[in-house]
Each structure stands twice: as C-alpha cells, then as structure tokens.
C-alpha cells in the first residue's frame, strides 16, 4: 500500500473517470460537467471543457482524438494536441 497517494479535490465533487486529455496530462471528469487537469506540479486545475452541467462518465483516446462521454448522449471529441 506504500505506492498509493491520495490527491483530494474540493469536497462534494464526484469524479467518474480519468484518462489522458488532449495535452497528454491526466484529465478527470465527473458529475455536473466537472473536469480537472493535472498540472506538471501535481495540482489539479479546472480544464477548459465546455459541457455546461452534463455529467461526464468516461474518457478514451482513439485515432488522434480524445472522446469524453456523458449523460444524455453527450459525446465531446477533442483533437489530441500533445503529438501522441
């Protein structure tokens, strides 16, 4: 268990998925449109995904795009900009 690290965010945030975002950094998404990106210094900061208050459920990188899926049939597609 020594390899685990807790990285808490604001209380009340529900996160549903984490994956690599468009810039190649970890991106976590959750309920009510919450999306946060992990910075190089380890801080989690709000990302620039604009999905209003749609709850986000998953992240996947496929063929040069990052797909974020959510409730109500939401699919957000963003081109990968980190070159991978």
PDB file of N, CA and C in Angstrom:
ATOM      1  N   UNK A   1       0.799  -1.195   0.000  1.00  0.00           N
ATOM      2  CA  UNK A   1       0.000   0.000   0.000  1.00  0.00           C
ATOM      3  C   UNK A   1       0.844   1.262   0.000  1.00  0.00           C
ATOM      4  N   UNK A   2       2.156   1.157   0.098  1.00  0.00           N
ATOM      5  CA  UNK A   2       3.019   2.317   0.149  1.00  0.00           C
ATOM      6  C   UNK A   2       3.086   3.092  -1.149  1.00  0.00           C
ATOM      7  N   UNK A   3       2.582   2.545  -2.255  1.00  0.00           N
ATOM      8  CA  UNK A   3       2.639   3.217  -3.544  1.00  0.00           C
ATOM      9  C   UNK A   3       1.407   4.051  -3.829  1.00  0.00           C
ATOM     10  N   UNK A   4       0.462   4.105  -2.921  1.00  0.00           N
ATOM     11  CA  UNK A   4      -0.766   4.865  -3.129  1.00  0.00           C
ATOM     12  C   UNK A   4      -0.601   6.285  -2.628  1.00  0.00           C
ATOM     13  N   UNK A   5      -1.218   7.222  -3.344  1.00  0.00           N
ATOM     14  CA  UNK A   5      -1.202   8.620  -2.917  1.00  0.00           C
ATOM     15  C   UNK A   5      -2.601   9.188  -3.087  1.00  0.00           C
ATOM     16  N   UNK A   6      -3.108   9.821  -2.072  1.00  0.00           N
ATOM     17  CA  UNK A   6      -4.411  10.466  -2.131  1.00  0.00           C
ATOM     18  C   UNK A   6      -4.224  11.891  -2.633  1.00  0.00           C
ATOM     19  N   UNK A   7      -4.963  12.246  -3.675  1.00  0.00           N
ATOM     20  CA  UNK A   7      -4.895  13.588  -4.248  1.00  0.00           C
ATOM     21  C   UNK A   7      -6.289  14.204  -4.178  1.00  0.00           C
ATOM     22  N   UNK A   8      -6.684  14.699  -3.005  1.00  0.00           N
ATOM     23  CA  UNK A   8      -8.059  15.195  -2.835  1.00  0.00           C
ATOM     24  C   UNK A   8      -8.308  16.509  -3.565  1.00  0.00           C
ATOM     25  N   UNK A   9      -9.560  16.670  -3.994  1.00  0.00           N
ATOM     26  CA  UNK A   9     -10.035  17.921  -4.578  1.00  0.00           C
ATOM     27  C   UNK A   9     -11.075  18.504  -3.632  1.00  0.00           C
ATOM     28  N   UNK A  10     -11.803  19.493  -4.110  1.00  0.00           N
ATOM     29  CA  UNK A  10     -12.848  20.107  -3.294  1.00  0.00           C
ATOM     30  C   UNK A  10     -13.864  19.070  -2.840  1.00  0.00           C
ATOM     31  N   UNK A  11     -14.324  19.220  -1.622  1.00  0.00           N
ATOM     32  CA  UNK A  11     -15.373  18.346  -1.106  1.00  0.00           C
ATOM     33  C   UNK A  11     -16.628  18.520  -1.950  1.00  0.00           C
ATOM     34  N   UNK A  12     -17.330  17.438  -2.164  1.00  0.00           N
ATOM     35  CA  UNK A  12     -18.583  17.499  -2.906  1.00  0.00           C
ATOM     36  C   UNK A  12     -18.456  17.205  -4.385  1.00  0.00           C
ATOM     37  N   UNK A  13     -17.248  17.125  -4.908  1.00  0.00           N
ATOM     38  CA  UNK A  13     -17.057  16.807  -6.318  1.00  0.00           C
ATOM     39  C   UNK A  13     -17.103  15.296  -6.496  1.00  0.00           C
ATOM     40  N   UNK A  14     -17.912  14.835  -7.460  1.00  0.00           N
ATOM     41  CA  UNK A  14     -17.959  13.415  -7.789  1.00  0.00           C
ATOM     42  C   UNK A  14     -17.269  13.212  -9.125  1.00  0.00           C
ATOM     43  N   UNK A  15     -16.189  12.444  -9.118  1.00  0.00           N
ATOM     44  CA  UNK A  15     -15.442  12.141 -10.340  1.00  0.00           C
ATOM     45  C   UNK A  15     -15.782  10.732 -10.791  1.00  0.00           C
ATOM     46  N   UNK A  16     -15.891  10.542 -12.112  1.00  0.00           N
ATOM     47  CA  UNK A  16     -16.306   9.257 -12.661  1.00  0.00           C
ATOM     48  C   UNK A  16     -15.250   8.579 -13.512  1.00  0.00           C
ATOM     49  N   UNK A  17     -14.299   9.332 -14.057  1.00  0.00           N
ATOM     50  CA  UNK A  17     -13.306   8.728 -14.953  1.00  0.00           C
ATOM     51  C   UNK A  17     -12.046   9.583 -14.990  1.00  0.00           C
ATOM     52  N   UNK A  18     -10.934   8.931 -15.291  1.00  0.00           N
ATOM     53  CA  UNK A  18      -9.669   9.633 -15.500  1.00  0.00           C
ATOM     54  C   UNK A  18      -8.982   9.004 -16.704  1.00  0.00           C
ATOM     55  N   UNK A  19      -8.352   9.836 -17.510  1.00  0.00           N
ATOM     56  CA  UNK A  19      -7.625   9.380 -18.687  1.00  0.00           C
ATOM     57  C   UNK A  19      -6.729  10.503 -19.155  1.00  0.00           C
ATOM     58  N   UNK A  20      -6.005  10.261 -20.238  1.00  0.00           N
ATOM     59  CA  UNK A  20      -5.150  11.313 -20.783  1.00  0.00           C
ATOM     60  C   UNK A  20      -5.989  12.279 -21.601  1.00  0.00           C
ATOM     61  N   UNK A  21      -5.841  13.557 -21.289  1.00  0.00           N
ATOM     62  CA  UNK A  21      -6.569  14.595 -22.001  1.00  0.00           C
ATOM     63  C   UNK A  21      -5.853  15.003 -23.283  1.00  0.00           C
ATOM     64  N   UNK A  22      -6.342  16.021 -23.959  1.00  0.00           N
ATOM     65  CA  UNK A  22      -5.785  16.465 -25.229  1.00  0.00           C
ATOM     66  C   UNK A  22      -4.308  16.876 -25.170  1.00  0.00           C
ATOM     67  N   UNK A  23      -3.860  17.384 -24.014  1.00  0.00           N
ATOM     68  CA  UNK A  23      -2.472  17.830 -23.880  1.00  0.00           C
ATOM     69  C   UNK A  23      -1.557  16.735 -23.327  1.00  0.00           C
ATOM     70  N   UNK A  24      -2.095  15.528 -23.145  1.00  0.00           N
ATOM     71  CA  UNK A  24      -1.298  14.424 -22.641  1.00  0.00           C
ATOM     72  C   UNK A  24      -1.189  14.367 -21.136  1.00  0.00           C
ATOM     73  N   UNK A  25      -1.919  15.222 -20.456  1.00  0.00           N
ATOM     74  CA  UNK A  25      -1.940  15.227 -18.989  1.00  0.00           C
ATOM     75  C   UNK A  25      -3.163  14.468 -18.508  1.00  0.00           C
ATOM     76  N   UNK A  26      -3.100  13.904 -17.290  1.00  0.00           N
ATOM     77  CA  UNK A  26      -4.288  13.258 -16.743  1.00  0.00           C
ATOM     78  C   UNK A  26      -5.454  14.247 -16.651  1.00  0.00           C
ATOM     79  N   UNK A  27      -6.613  13.769 -17.066  1.00  0.00           N
ATOM     80  CA  UNK A  27      -7.838  14.555 -17.041  1.00  0.00           C
ATOM     81  C   UNK A  27      -8.881  13.731 -16.300  1.00  0.00           C
ATOM     82  N   UNK A  28      -9.508  14.317 -15.294  1.00  0.00           N
ATOM     83  CA  UNK A  28     -10.568  13.646 -14.551  1.00  0.00           C
ATOM     84  C   UNK A  28     -11.876  14.376 -14.825  1.00  0.00           C
ATOM     85  N   UNK A  29     -12.944  13.610 -15.033  1.00  0.00           N
ATOM     86  CA  UNK A  29     -14.256  14.190 -15.326  1.00  0.00           C
ATOM     87  C   UNK A  29     -15.289  13.606 -14.384  1.00  0.00           C
ATOM     88  N   UNK A  30     -16.374  14.367 -14.193  1.00  0.00           N
ATOM     89  CA  UNK A  30     -17.389  13.888 -13.267  1.00  0.00           C
ATOM     90  C   UNK A  30     -18.738  14.540 -13.454  1.00  0.00           C
ATOM     91  N   UNK A  31     -19.521  14.470 -12.378  1.00  0.00           N
ATOM     92  CA  UNK A  31     -20.887  14.968 -12.395  1.00  0.00           C
ATOM     93  C   UNK A  31     -20.929  16.487 -12.565  1.00  0.00           C
ATOM     94  N   UNK A  32     -22.033  16.948 -13.132  1.00  0.00           N
ATOM     95  CA  UNK A  32     -22.318  18.371 -13.328  1.00  0.00           C
ATOM     96  C   UNK A  32     -21.250  19.079 -14.157  1.00  0.00           C
ATOM     97  N   UNK A  33     -20.632  18.369 -15.095  1.00  0.00           N
ATOM     98  CA  UNK A  33     -19.678  18.971 -16.010  1.00  0.00           C
ATOM     99  C   UNK A  33     -18.301  19.235 -15.447  1.00  0.00           C
ATOM    100  N   UNK A  34     -18.006  18.677 -14.276  1.00  0.00           N
ATOM    101  CA  UNK A  34     -16.695  18.886 -13.662  1.00  0.00           C
ATOM    102  C   UNK A  34     -15.612  18.236 -14.524  1.00  0.00           C
ATOM    103  N   UNK A  35     -14.556  18.976 -14.803  1.00  0.00           N
ATOM    104  CA  UNK A  35     -13.382  18.417 -15.475  1.00  0.00           C
ATOM    105  C   UNK A  35     -12.149  19.143 -14.950  1.00  0.00           C
ATOM    106  N   UNK A  36     -11.175  18.368 -14.515  1.00  0.00           N
ATOM    107  CA  UNK A  36      -9.947  18.932 -13.960  1.00  0.00           C
ATOM    108  C   UNK A  36      -8.751  18.242 -14.596  1.00  0.00           C
ATOM    109  N   UNK A  37      -7.692  19.007 -14.791  1.00  0.00           N
ATOM    110  CA  UNK A  37      -6.478  18.507 -15.439  1.00  0.00           C
ATOM    111  C   UNK A  37      -5.318  18.601 -14.452  1.00  0.00           C
ATOM    112  N   UNK A  38      -4.492  17.562 -14.430  1.00  0.00           N
ATOM    113  CA  UNK A  38      -3.348  17.548 -13.513  1.00  0.00           C
ATOM    114  C   UNK A  38      -2.183  18.304 -14.145  1.00  0.00           C
ATOM    115  N   UNK A  39      -1.672  19.277 -13.439  1.00  0.00           N
ATOM    116  CA  UNK A  39      -0.563  20.089 -13.926  1.00  0.00           C
ATOM    117  C   UNK A  39       0.769  19.408 -13.606  1.00  0.00           C
ATOM    118  N   UNK A  40       1.838  19.897 -14.211  1.00  0.00           N
ATOM    119  CA  UNK A  40       3.162  19.316 -14.002  1.00  0.00           C
ATOM    120  C   UNK A  40       3.599  19.359 -12.547  1.00  0.00           C
ATOM    121  N   UNK A  41       3.104  20.343 -11.787  1.00  0.00           N
ATOM    122  CA  UNK A  41       3.477  20.453 -10.376  1.00  0.00           C
ATOM    123  C   UNK A  41       2.580  19.613  -9.459  1.00  0.00           C
ATOM    124  N   UNK A  42       1.659  18.843 -10.041  1.00  0.00           N
ATOM    125  CA  UNK A  42       0.802  17.966  -9.266  1.00  0.00           C
ATOM    126  C   UNK A  42      -0.551  18.536  -8.883  1.00  0.00           C
ATOM    127  N   UNK A  43      -0.765  19.818  -9.121  1.00  0.00           N
ATOM    128  CA  UNK A  43      -2.063  20.433  -8.808  1.00  0.00           C
ATOM    129  C   UNK A  43      -3.100  20.010  -9.837  1.00  0.00           C
ATOM    130  N   UNK A  44      -4.340  19.864  -9.390  1.00  0.00           N
ATOM    131  CA  UNK A  44      -5.476  19.631 -10.278  1.00  0.00           C
ATOM    132  C   UNK A  44      -6.188  20.964 -10.473  1.00  0.00           C
ATOM    133  N   UNK A  45      -6.306  21.421 -11.725  1.00  0.00           N
ATOM    134  CA  UNK A  45      -6.957  22.695 -12.013  1.00  0.00           C
ATOM    135  C   UNK A  45      -8.102  22.475 -12.998  1.00  0.00           C
ATOM    136  N   UNK A  46      -9.108  23.351 -12.974  1.00  0.00           N
ATOM    137  CA  UNK A  46     -10.224  23.196 -13.912  1.00  0.00           C
ATOM    138  C   UNK A  46      -9.732  23.184 -15.351  1.00  0.00           C
ATOM    139  N   UNK A  47     -10.304  22.293 -16.152  1.00  0.00           N
ATOM    140  CA  UNK A  47      -9.942  22.251 -17.570  1.00  0.00           C
ATOM    141  C   UNK A  47     -10.895  23.142 -18.355  1.00  0.00           C
ATOM    142  N   UNK A  48     -10.626  23.276 -19.643  1.00  0.00           N
ATOM    143  CA  UNK A  48     -11.427  24.175 -20.466  1.00  0.00           C
ATOM    144  C   UNK A  48     -12.519  23.447 -21.249  1.00  0.00           C
ATOM    145  N   UNK A  49     -12.912  22.244 -20.820  1.00  0.00           N
ATOM    146  CA  UNK A  49     -14.021  21.556 -21.478  1.00  0.00           C
ATOM    147  C   UNK A  49     -15.308  22.308 -21.179  1.00  0.00           C
ATOM    148  N   UNK A  50     -16.103  22.564 -22.212  1.00  0.00           N
ATOM    149  CA  UNK A  50     -17.352  23.297 -22.024  1.00  0.00           C
ATOM    150  C   UNK A  50     -18.511  22.367 -22.345  1.00  0.00           C
ATOM    151  N   UNK A  51     -19.068  21.768 -21.300  1.00  0.00           N
ATOM    152  CA  UNK A  51     -20.191  20.845 -21.482  1.00  0.00           C
ATOM    153  C   UNK A  51     -21.373  21.242 -20.609  1.00  0.00           C
ATOM    154  N   UNK A  52     -21.414  22.492 -20.212  1.00  0.00           N
ATOM    155  CA  UNK A  52     -22.457  23.006 -19.310  1.00  0.00           C
ATOM    156  C   UNK A  52     -22.453  22.174 -18.038  1.00  0.00           C
ATOM    157  N   UNK A  53     -23.581  21.610 -17.671  1.00  0.00           N
ATOM    158  CA  UNK A  53     -23.652  20.819 -16.434  1.00  0.00           C
ATOM    159  C   UNK A  53     -23.906  19.352 -16.715  1.00  0.00           C
ATOM    160  N   UNK A  54     -23.582  18.893 -17.925  1.00  0.00           N
ATOM    161  CA  UNK A  54     -23.754  17.487 -18.279  1.00  0.00           C
ATOM    162  C   UNK A  54     -22.794  16.638 -17.463  1.00  0.00           C
ATOM    163  N   UNK A  55     -23.290  15.597 -16.847  1.00  0.00           N
ATOM    164  CA  UNK A  55     -22.421  14.707 -16.081  1.00  0.00           C
ATOM    165  C   UNK A  55     -21.586  13.858 -17.037  1.00  0.00           C
ATOM    166  N   UNK A  56     -20.290  13.842 -16.803  1.00  0.00           N
ATOM    167  CA  UNK A  56     -19.347  13.153 -17.681  1.00  0.00           C
ATOM    168  C   UNK A  56     -18.969  11.819 -17.058  1.00  0.00           C
ATOM    169  N   UNK A  57     -18.882  10.775 -17.891  1.00  0.00           N
ATOM    170  CA  UNK A  57     -18.717   9.421 -17.372  1.00  0.00           C
ATOM    171  C   UNK A  57     -17.467   8.691 -17.839  1.00  0.00           C
ATOM    172  N   UNK A  58     -16.868   9.077 -18.953  1.00  0.00           N
ATOM    173  CA  UNK A  58     -15.719   8.321 -19.441  1.00  0.00           C
ATOM    174  C   UNK A  58     -14.836   9.117 -20.381  1.00  0.00           C
ATOM    175  N   UNK A  59     -13.566   8.673 -20.498  1.00  0.00           N
ATOM    176  CA  UNK A  59     -12.567   9.309 -21.360  1.00  0.00           C
ATOM    177  C   UNK A  59     -11.840   8.207 -22.117  1.00  0.00           C
ATOM    178  N   UNK A  60     -11.623   8.433 -23.409  1.00  0.00           N
ATOM    179  CA  UNK A  60     -10.886   7.454 -24.211  1.00  0.00           C
ATOM    180  C   UNK A  60     -10.139   8.180 -25.324  1.00  0.00           C
ATOM    181  N   UNK A  61      -8.902   7.760 -25.604  1.00  0.00           N
ATOM    182  CA  UNK A  61      -8.131   8.285 -26.737  1.00  0.00           C
ATOM    183  C   UNK A  61      -8.205   7.283 -27.870  1.00  0.00           C
ATOM    184  N   UNK A  62      -8.697   7.742 -29.022  1.00  0.00           N
ATOM    185  CA  UNK A  62      -8.838   6.872 -30.193  1.00  0.00           C
ATOM    186  C   UNK A  62      -8.473   7.668 -31.437  1.00  0.00           C
ATOM    187  N   UNK A  63      -7.529   7.137 -32.214  1.00  0.00           N
ATOM    188  CA  UNK A  63      -7.191   7.695 -33.536  1.00  0.00           C
ATOM    189  C   UNK A  63      -6.955   9.203 -33.544  1.00  0.00           C
ATOM    190  N   UNK A  64      -6.170   9.700 -32.601  1.00  0.00           N
ATOM    191  CA  UNK A  64      -5.810  11.112 -32.585  1.00  0.00           C
ATOM    192  C   UNK A  64      -6.824  12.033 -31.944  1.00  0.00           C
ATOM    193  N   UNK A  65      -7.839  11.472 -31.332  1.00  0.00           N
ATOM    194  CA  UNK A  65      -8.856  12.270 -30.650  1.00  0.00           C
ATOM    195  C   UNK A  65      -9.017  11.789 -29.216  1.00  0.00           C
ATOM    196  N   UNK A  66      -9.470  12.703 -28.352  1.00  0.00           N
ATOM    197  CA  UNK A  66      -9.904  12.357 -27.007  1.00  0.00           C
ATOM    198  C   UNK A  66     -11.420  12.473 -27.013  1.00  0.00           C
ATOM    199  N   UNK A  67     -12.089  11.399 -26.624  1.00  0.00           N
ATOM    200  CA  UNK A  67     -13.541  11.380 -26.526  1.00  0.00           C
ATOM    201  C   UNK A  67     -13.927  11.382 -25.050  1.00  0.00           C
ATOM    202  N   UNK A  68     -14.833  12.282 -24.693  1.00  0.00           N
ATOM    203  CA  UNK A  68     -15.396  12.319 -23.349  1.00  0.00           C
ATOM    204  C   UNK A  68     -16.892  12.079 -23.517  1.00  0.00           C
ATOM    205  N   UNK A  69     -17.412  11.079 -22.806  1.00  0.00           N
ATOM    206  CA  UNK A  69     -18.829  10.751 -22.931  1.00  0.00           C
ATOM    207  C   UNK A  69     -19.540  11.058 -21.626  1.00  0.00           C
ATOM    208  N   UNK A  70     -20.825  11.380 -21.764  1.00  0.00           N
ATOM    209  CA  UNK A  70     -21.594  11.723 -20.580  1.00  0.00           C
ATOM    210  C   UNK A  70     -23.060  11.385 -20.708  1.00  0.00           C
ATOM    211  N   UNK A  71     -23.810  11.851 -19.742  1.00  0.00           N
ATOM    212  CA  UNK A  71     -25.241  11.572 -19.714  1.00  0.00           C
ATOM    213  C   UNK A  71     -25.957  12.299 -20.839  1.00  0.00           C
ATOM    214  N   UNK A  72     -27.145  11.834 -21.128  1.00  0.00           N
ATOM    215  CA  UNK A  72     -27.958  12.462 -22.157  1.00  0.00           C
ATOM    216  C   UNK A  72     -27.416  12.273 -23.559  1.00  0.00           C
ATOM    217  N   UNK A  73     -26.553  11.281 -23.757  1.00  0.00           N
ATOM    218  CA  UNK A  73     -25.989  11.020 -25.078  1.00  0.00           C
ATOM    219  C   UNK A  73     -24.882  11.972 -25.479  1.00  0.00           C
ATOM    220  N   UNK A  74     -24.263  12.628 -24.532  1.00  0.00           N
ATOM    221  CA  UNK A  74     -23.196  13.582 -24.814  1.00  0.00           C
ATOM    222  C   UNK A  74     -21.913  12.876 -25.232  1.00  0.00           C
ATOM    223  N   UNK A  75     -21.349  13.301 -26.354  1.00  0.00           N
ATOM    224  CA  UNK A  75     -20.015  12.866 -26.772  1.00  0.00           C
ATOM    225  C   UNK A  75     -19.241  14.114 -27.167  1.00  0.00           C
ATOM    226  N   UNK A  76     -18.152  14.370 -26.478  1.00  0.00           N
ATOM    227  CA  UNK A  76     -17.281  15.501 -26.781  1.00  0.00           C
ATOM    228  C   UNK A  76     -16.026  14.945 -27.435  1.00  0.00           C
ATOM    229  N   UNK A  77     -15.662  15.442 -28.598  1.00  0.00           N
ATOM    230  CA  UNK A  77     -14.460  14.989 -29.301  1.00  0.00           C
ATOM    231  C   UNK A  77     -13.492  16.151 -29.387  1.00  0.00           C
ATOM    232  N   UNK A  78     -12.250  15.930 -28.956  1.00  0.00           N
ATOM    233  CA  UNK A  78     -11.219  16.958 -28.971  1.00  0.00           C
ATOM    234  C   UNK A  78      -9.967  16.365 -29.607  1.00  0.00           C
ATOM    235  N   UNK A  79      -9.368  17.061 -30.542  1.00  0.00           N
ATOM    236  CA  UNK A  79      -8.160  16.572 -31.183  1.00  0.00           C
ATOM    237  C   UNK A  79      -7.010  16.532 -30.170  1.00  0.00           C
ATOM    238  N   UNK A  80      -6.188  15.512 -30.264  1.00  0.00           N
ATOM    239  CA  UNK A  80      -5.013  15.402 -29.394  1.00  0.00           C
ATOM    240  C   UNK A  80      -4.003  16.447 -29.842  1.00  0.00           C
ATOM    241  N   UNK A  81      -3.507  17.255 -28.903  1.00  0.00           N
ATOM    242  CA  UNK A  81      -2.567  18.314 -29.246  1.00  0.00           C
ATOM    243  C   UNK A  81      -1.171  18.072 -28.682  1.00  0.00           C
ATOM    244  N   UNK A  82      -0.952  16.934 -27.994  1.00  0.00           N
ATOM    245  CA  UNK A  82       0.359  16.665 -27.426  1.00  0.00           C
ATOM    246  C   UNK A  82       1.265  15.859 -28.363  1.00  0.00           C
ATOM    247  N   UNK A  83       0.759  15.512 -29.551  1.00  0.00           N
ATOM    248  CA  UNK A  83       1.576  14.813 -30.538  1.00  0.00           C
ATOM    249  C   UNK A  83       1.613  13.312 -30.377  1.00  0.00           C
ATOM    250  N   UNK A  84       0.921  12.737 -29.396  1.00  0.00           N
ATOM    251  CA  UNK A  84       0.942  11.270 -29.247  1.00  0.00           C
ATOM    252  C   UNK A  84      -0.338  10.638 -29.720  1.00  0.00           C
TER     253      UNK A  84
END
